[in-house]
Amino acid sequence: MQVEILTPEKTLFSGEADIVTLPGANGSFQVLDQHAPMIANLGKGDVVVGSKQASEQFNVNGGLVEVLENRVIVLV
């Protein structure tokens, strides 16, 4: 799935991933390939983007995530 992590100033990450772990406002959750559409609030914590090759971690202080048509957009 395509993942983008965006701030008002720049793009923190743009690429393919197999799994994304997000700090939801009510607890962490994961998004996998072909996940159902959703929009959720994010709390403070780490966004972890993982693939078979590697994983990257980004600390966030809140934001929003949209999952639609196998694309994950994280606004922080």
N, C-alpha and C. Protein backbone atom coordinates (compact mmCIF):
# COMPACT_ATOMS: atom_id res chain seq x y z
N MET A 1 0.84 -1.18 0.00
CA MET A 1 0.00 0.00 0.00
C MET A 1 0.89 1.24 0.00
N GLN A 2 0.37 2.32 -0.52
CA GLN A 2 1.11 3.59 -0.57
C GLN A 2 0.88 4.35 0.73
N VAL A 3 1.95 4.85 1.33
CA VAL A 3 1.87 5.58 2.60
C VAL A 3 2.53 6.94 2.43
N GLU A 4 1.85 7.98 2.93
CA GLU A 4 2.43 9.32 2.97
C GLU A 4 2.23 9.89 4.37
N ILE A 5 3.30 10.45 4.93
CA ILE A 5 3.23 11.15 6.21
C ILE A 5 3.59 12.59 5.92
N LEU A 6 2.62 13.50 6.16
CA LEU A 6 2.78 14.89 5.76
C LEU A 6 2.65 15.83 6.96
N THR A 7 3.48 16.88 6.96
CA THR A 7 3.36 17.99 7.89
C THR A 7 3.04 19.23 7.05
N PRO A 8 2.67 20.33 7.68
CA PRO A 8 2.45 21.54 6.89
C PRO A 8 3.72 22.02 6.16
N GLU A 9 4.89 21.66 6.67
CA GLU A 9 6.14 22.13 6.09
C GLU A 9 6.74 21.18 5.05
N LYS A 10 6.56 19.86 5.25
CA LYS A 10 7.26 18.92 4.37
C LYS A 10 6.64 17.53 4.41
N THR A 11 7.12 16.68 3.54
CA THR A 11 6.74 15.27 3.51
C THR A 11 7.78 14.49 4.31
N LEU A 12 7.35 13.81 5.38
CA LEU A 12 8.26 13.03 6.20
C LEU A 12 8.54 11.67 5.58
N PHE A 13 7.53 11.09 4.92
CA PHE A 13 7.69 9.77 4.31
C PHE A 13 6.72 9.63 3.15
N SER A 14 7.19 9.01 2.09
CA SER A 14 6.34 8.67 0.95
C SER A 14 6.90 7.40 0.35
N GLY A 15 6.10 6.33 0.36
CA GLY A 15 6.57 5.08 -0.19
C GLY A 15 5.62 3.94 0.07
N GLU A 16 6.06 2.75 -0.26
CA GLU A 16 5.27 1.53 -0.10
C GLU A 16 5.52 0.92 1.29
N ALA A 17 4.48 0.28 1.84
CA ALA A 17 4.60 -0.39 3.13
C ALA A 17 3.65 -1.58 3.18
N ASP A 18 3.96 -2.51 4.06
CA ASP A 18 3.10 -3.67 4.29
C ASP A 18 2.21 -3.48 5.51
N ILE A 19 2.68 -2.66 6.47
CA ILE A 19 1.95 -2.43 7.71
C ILE A 19 2.29 -1.04 8.24
N VAL A 20 1.29 -0.38 8.83
CA VAL A 20 1.51 0.92 9.49
C VAL A 20 0.88 0.83 10.87
N THR A 21 1.65 1.13 11.90
CA THR A 21 1.15 1.17 13.27
C THR A 21 1.01 2.64 13.65
N LEU A 22 -0.17 2.99 14.17
CA LEU A 22 -0.49 4.39 14.45
C LEU A 22 -0.95 4.57 15.89
N PRO A 23 -0.62 5.73 16.50
CA PRO A 23 -1.07 6.01 17.86
C PRO A 23 -2.46 6.66 17.85
N GLY A 24 -3.49 5.87 17.85
CA GLY A 24 -4.85 6.41 17.83
C GLY A 24 -5.15 7.19 19.09
N ALA A 25 -6.16 8.04 19.03
CA ALA A 25 -6.56 8.84 20.19
C ALA A 25 -7.00 7.95 21.35
N ASN A 26 -7.51 6.74 21.03
CA ASN A 26 -7.97 5.80 22.06
C ASN A 26 -7.11 4.54 22.13
N GLY A 27 -5.89 4.62 21.65
CA GLY A 27 -4.99 3.46 21.67
C GLY A 27 -4.42 3.19 20.29
N SER A 28 -3.33 2.48 20.26
CA SER A 28 -2.66 2.23 18.97
C SER A 28 -3.44 1.20 18.14
N PHE A 29 -3.27 1.29 16.83
CA PHE A 29 -3.90 0.36 15.91
C PHE A 29 -3.02 0.19 14.68
N GLN A 30 -3.31 -0.84 13.90
CA GLN A 30 -2.51 -1.13 12.71
C GLN A 30 -3.38 -1.12 11.47
N VAL A 31 -2.75 -0.72 10.36
CA VAL A 31 -3.39 -0.74 9.05
C VAL A 31 -2.57 -1.68 8.18
N LEU A 32 -3.25 -2.65 7.58
CA LEU A 32 -2.61 -3.62 6.70
C LEU A 32 -3.06 -3.39 5.26
N ASP A 33 -2.43 -4.09 4.34
CA ASP A 33 -2.77 -4.03 2.93
C ASP A 33 -4.27 -4.31 2.73
N GLN A 34 -4.93 -3.54 1.89
CA GLN A 34 -6.36 -3.66 1.56
C GLN A 34 -7.28 -3.40 2.76
N HIS A 35 -6.86 -2.54 3.68
CA HIS A 35 -7.67 -2.19 4.85
C HIS A 35 -8.94 -1.47 4.41
N ALA A 36 -9.98 -1.61 5.19
CA ALA A 36 -11.24 -0.91 4.92
C ALA A 36 -11.04 0.60 5.04
N PRO A 37 -11.82 1.39 4.30
CA PRO A 37 -11.71 2.84 4.39
C PRO A 37 -12.00 3.33 5.81
N MET A 38 -11.25 4.35 6.23
CA MET A 38 -11.47 4.92 7.56
C MET A 38 -10.77 6.27 7.68
N ILE A 39 -11.24 7.07 8.63
CA ILE A 39 -10.59 8.30 9.05
C ILE A 39 -10.53 8.25 10.57
N ALA A 40 -9.37 8.58 11.16
CA ALA A 40 -9.22 8.49 12.61
C ALA A 40 -8.34 9.62 13.14
N ASN A 41 -8.60 10.02 14.37
CA ASN A 41 -7.75 10.97 15.08
C ASN A 41 -6.54 10.24 15.64
N LEU A 42 -5.42 10.93 15.65
CA LEU A 42 -4.20 10.37 16.22
C LEU A 42 -3.84 11.11 17.49
N GLY A 43 -3.26 10.38 18.42
CA GLY A 43 -2.74 10.96 19.65
C GLY A 43 -1.23 11.08 19.58
N LYS A 44 -0.62 11.35 20.70
CA LYS A 44 0.83 11.45 20.78
C LYS A 44 1.44 10.05 20.80
N GLY A 45 2.49 9.85 20.01
CA GLY A 45 3.15 8.54 19.98
C GLY A 45 3.94 8.35 18.71
N ASP A 46 4.21 7.09 18.39
CA ASP A 46 5.05 6.76 17.24
C ASP A 46 4.22 6.17 16.10
N VAL A 47 4.49 6.64 14.89
CA VAL A 47 3.98 6.04 13.68
C VAL A 47 5.10 5.15 13.15
N VAL A 48 4.81 3.86 12.98
CA VAL A 48 5.82 2.92 12.49
C VAL A 48 5.36 2.39 11.14
N VAL A 49 6.19 2.62 10.12
CA VAL A 49 5.90 2.17 8.77
C VAL A 49 6.82 0.99 8.49
N GLY A 50 6.23 -0.18 8.21
CA GLY A 50 7.04 -1.37 8.03
C GLY A 50 6.84 -2.03 6.68
N SER A 51 7.93 -2.59 6.18
CA SER A 51 7.90 -3.39 4.96
C SER A 51 8.81 -4.60 5.18
N LYS A 52 8.89 -5.47 4.19
CA LYS A 52 9.75 -6.65 4.32
C LYS A 52 11.22 -6.27 4.40
N GLN A 53 11.59 -5.12 3.84
CA GLN A 53 12.99 -4.70 3.83
C GLN A 53 13.41 -3.98 5.12
N ALA A 54 12.55 -3.11 5.65
CA ALA A 54 12.93 -2.30 6.81
C ALA A 54 11.69 -1.66 7.42
N SER A 55 11.90 -0.96 8.52
CA SER A 55 10.82 -0.16 9.11
C SER A 55 11.38 1.19 9.52
N GLU A 56 10.49 2.19 9.50
CA GLU A 56 10.86 3.54 9.92
C GLU A 56 9.88 4.00 10.97
N GLN A 57 10.36 4.82 11.90
CA GLN A 57 9.54 5.29 13.02
C GLN A 57 9.56 6.81 13.05
N PHE A 58 8.38 7.40 13.28
CA PHE A 58 8.23 8.85 13.34
C PHE A 58 7.43 9.20 14.59
N ASN A 59 7.94 10.10 15.42
CA ASN A 59 7.23 10.53 16.61
C ASN A 59 6.29 11.67 16.24
N VAL A 60 5.02 11.56 16.65
CA VAL A 60 4.03 12.59 16.34
C VAL A 60 3.33 13.04 17.61
N ASN A 61 2.76 14.23 17.55
CA ASN A 61 2.03 14.79 18.69
C ASN A 61 0.54 14.87 18.43
N GLY A 62 0.05 14.09 17.48
CA GLY A 62 -1.37 14.10 17.13
C GLY A 62 -1.53 14.35 15.64
N GLY A 63 -2.76 14.22 15.18
CA GLY A 63 -3.04 14.45 13.77
C GLY A 63 -4.23 13.62 13.32
N LEU A 64 -4.28 13.36 12.01
CA LEU A 64 -5.35 12.58 11.40
C LEU A 64 -4.76 11.56 10.45
N VAL A 65 -5.50 10.47 10.23
CA VAL A 65 -5.10 9.49 9.23
C VAL A 65 -6.33 9.17 8.38
N GLU A 66 -6.11 9.05 7.08
CA GLU A 66 -7.14 8.61 6.15
C GLU A 66 -6.64 7.36 5.44
N VAL A 67 -7.48 6.33 5.41
CA VAL A 67 -7.18 5.10 4.69
C VAL A 67 -8.26 4.96 3.62
N LEU A 68 -7.84 4.91 2.35
CA LEU A 68 -8.80 4.83 1.25
C LEU A 68 -8.12 4.24 0.03
N GLU A 69 -8.71 3.21 -0.55
CA GLU A 69 -8.22 2.59 -1.78
C GLU A 69 -6.74 2.20 -1.69
N ASN A 70 -6.40 1.53 -0.60
CA ASN A 70 -5.05 1.01 -0.37
C ASN A 70 -3.99 2.11 -0.30
N ARG A 71 -4.41 3.27 0.19
CA ARG A 71 -3.50 4.40 0.37
C ARG A 71 -3.73 4.97 1.78
N VAL A 72 -2.65 5.22 2.49
CA VAL A 72 -2.70 5.75 3.84
C VAL A 72 -2.07 7.13 3.84
N ILE A 73 -2.84 8.14 4.24
CA ILE A 73 -2.32 9.51 4.33
C ILE A 73 -2.40 9.93 5.79
N VAL A 74 -1.24 10.25 6.35
CA VAL A 74 -1.14 10.67 7.75
C VAL A 74 -0.80 12.15 7.76
N LEU A 75 -1.66 12.96 8.38
CA LEU A 75 -1.44 14.41 8.51
C LEU A 75 -1.08 14.71 9.95
N VAL A 76 0.14 15.23 10.15
CA VAL A 76 0.62 15.53 11.50
C VAL A 76 1.15 16.94 11.59
